[in-house]
Amino acid sequence: MALCPHSASASFPSSSAPRSKHDVFLSFRGEDTRKGVVSYLYHKLENRGIQTFMDDQGLQQGMPISPSLVAAIEESRYAIVLLSPNYASSTWCLDELVKILQCSEAKKTPVLPIFYYVDPSDVRNQRGSFAEAFTKHEERYRQGNDDVEKVKKWRAALTQVANLSGLDSNKFGSDRELVQRIVELVCRDVRPISIMSSSNFEAFESTRKAMNELMEALEDDEVAAIGVYGMGGVGKTTMVKHFGAQAQKMGLFDHVIMAVVSQTPDKRNIQGALADLLGLKLVEETEIGRASRLQKEILRRSKILIILDDIWNRLELSSIGIPSYNELQICNSKVLLTTRRLNVCHTMESQAKIHLSILSEEDAWNLFLKKAGKSFRKSTAFYEVARKVARECAGLPVALIAVARALGDKDFEAWKEAARQLEMSQPANPEQDKDVFKCIKLSYDYLDDNADVSRSQAKYCFLLCCLFPEDYDIQIEDIMKYVFRTGLFRDDNSTIENARANAKSVIDHLKDSCLLLDGSKVGCIKMHDVIRDIAVSIASDGQHFLVKTRCDLKDWPMDAHEGCSAISLIESNICKLPNKLNACLKMLSPFQIGSTFIYVSEDSGSEIPLGEITFHILLQEH
């Protein structure tokens, strides 16, 4: 895969070729279609994250297309030509079409013709309204040789575009169905540039070094698999998302697709995530069938960067549907994986292994100051304490941000106490990283009461989210329904609407505290995998939560229901409850949220500090 060279100081190569600023260029006759099908198509593409260029200005008859339009065509990765009855009457449209086809030949830009209430043969042979248009053009340009040649180019362009595989509107029941099919085809061939970008990416010395090494690996034709490894919370996911988006903008890859693997890989979810980003719908029932279909689609295309995030152990890529490294090399595609363990890079046979190190002390301090929203005068006691707190975060962005947000508005005494707690804190689980644990635990402990949110509500809602599997899109509405059932968010005088507003305030407070993230879907939230691990540890130790999500459990865990206030077995293989527990649940009131059953019992005599909850069970529906 031959790529442009880059300088040592830059993360991405410079190139004389125009960058892809747009996913799609729309060519159409304004007076025919702008207020109807084109407007609808534009908004549907934009809603799918496809950056679409649609010129809204229009030109006077006979004017040449502007340099900005020429640039827009050159900077687009896909072209849609909507051939309507009056398309050929516009010299501007015809000039656009000539340029689009030139780019298609020179840069292999895909072109999709839409025959919008015109016969493809009329376009190909310039009959009907197209013949009428060319009669006028030839009369107008009869005098000059250059103009006669231009008309010939227009005719040749129409013949050429009519010979391409396209869509005929007459074969669809409505414009809505036509647009739906266009969007499906575009999403299959065009990976949206914007969907991978990470707005919270910040380049530090460590990330710049890793990204330069990444670029060197991409330039090496012998490298098909790249492993990025580093501590949990160091920023691997954020970096590779940013890198993928930038690499695609530069034209290094036509598609960048990504899936989260996690500690307990769900192959169907991984397959689905990769297929969605390729615009592919997997309808096969078995994992083997889905893998075969996905593999064929990847091999059918070229220049695909496949990002597999958060791998913990060797993963057989063929079982997912990812071709072998040799096959990927043939079609100029590569695999980029992230992991906390160097050993995983070896077992996955990565030809390039790149370490993302922790932040330097100065970079860590600057990030800490930015997120805390404070400044400190040097040589003061407050400054020294703040530097000590920042050092305790061990250069890990996830810890620095969480602690900075927790302490930002606190007084000097609170900062001193935080420094003491960070120094003394120890994780209950010896396998957990001490530095990360103590920082996230401090943020959890420092969740404050405010006008809208009580500390107990915030802590409960935070721990509740760890009952869902890793990288799970948790629907906010489901959380609201669940916490309302517990009684924690309502009193004798409150309404459901008040409780819902209260729960939303809690979720916003947790996001502001960097303990929750926006989900990948609208109306959802997520937990960073590092923060979730610590939340599970806190909940299991102090609140008697049992969390066994995405585990290959077939039998009920021994003594799981004794002394537990919450049990989560989402996406396990348990089909029925033990007899003793079934008898208990007959007295409870179940209700369904999505694909889980939640059983809740309210007991005002309970002394569980989370709230008045004595038993929760989350099970996947069978």
Foldseek 3Di string as FASTA:
>chain_A
DADADDDLQDLDRDDPQAFQPFAEEEQDDCVVPVVHLVVVLCVVCVVVLGGYDDDDPDDDAPDEDDPVLLSNLSNYQAYEYEDELCQLLGVRSLNSLLSNVVCCVVVVRYYAYEDEPHDLVCQLQVDDSRVVSLVVQCVVQVPDPVSVVSSVSSNVSSNVNSPDDYHYCVVDPDSVVVSVVVSLVSQLQAQNLPLLADPPDDDAPLLSVLSNLVVVLLNDLVFFEEEEAAAAQQCPSNSVSNSQSVCVSRVQARFEFEDEQAPQGDLVRRLVRRCVSNSHDDPDDDLLSSLCVLLVSLLVAARYEYEYEEDEAADDSSSSNHDDSVSNSVRSYHYYYYYHDPVRCVSNVGPHYGYRYAGDLVVLLVLLCVLLVDDDDPPDPLVVLSSLLSVLLVRRNLLSNLQSLLPSPPDSVVSNVLSVQSVPDAFPDPVADSSNLSSLVSSLVSLDDDPQAHSLLLNLLLLVQLLDDALDFAALVLSLVVVVVQVPQDDPPDDSVSSSVSSVVSVVSCVSSVQWAHHSDPRTIHGRPSSSVSSCRCCVVQVVEAHQESHADADDPPCSLPQHQEYHHENYNHDDDDPVVVVVQVPWDWDDDDQWIWTWDFDPPDPRSSGRTRYIYTYGHD
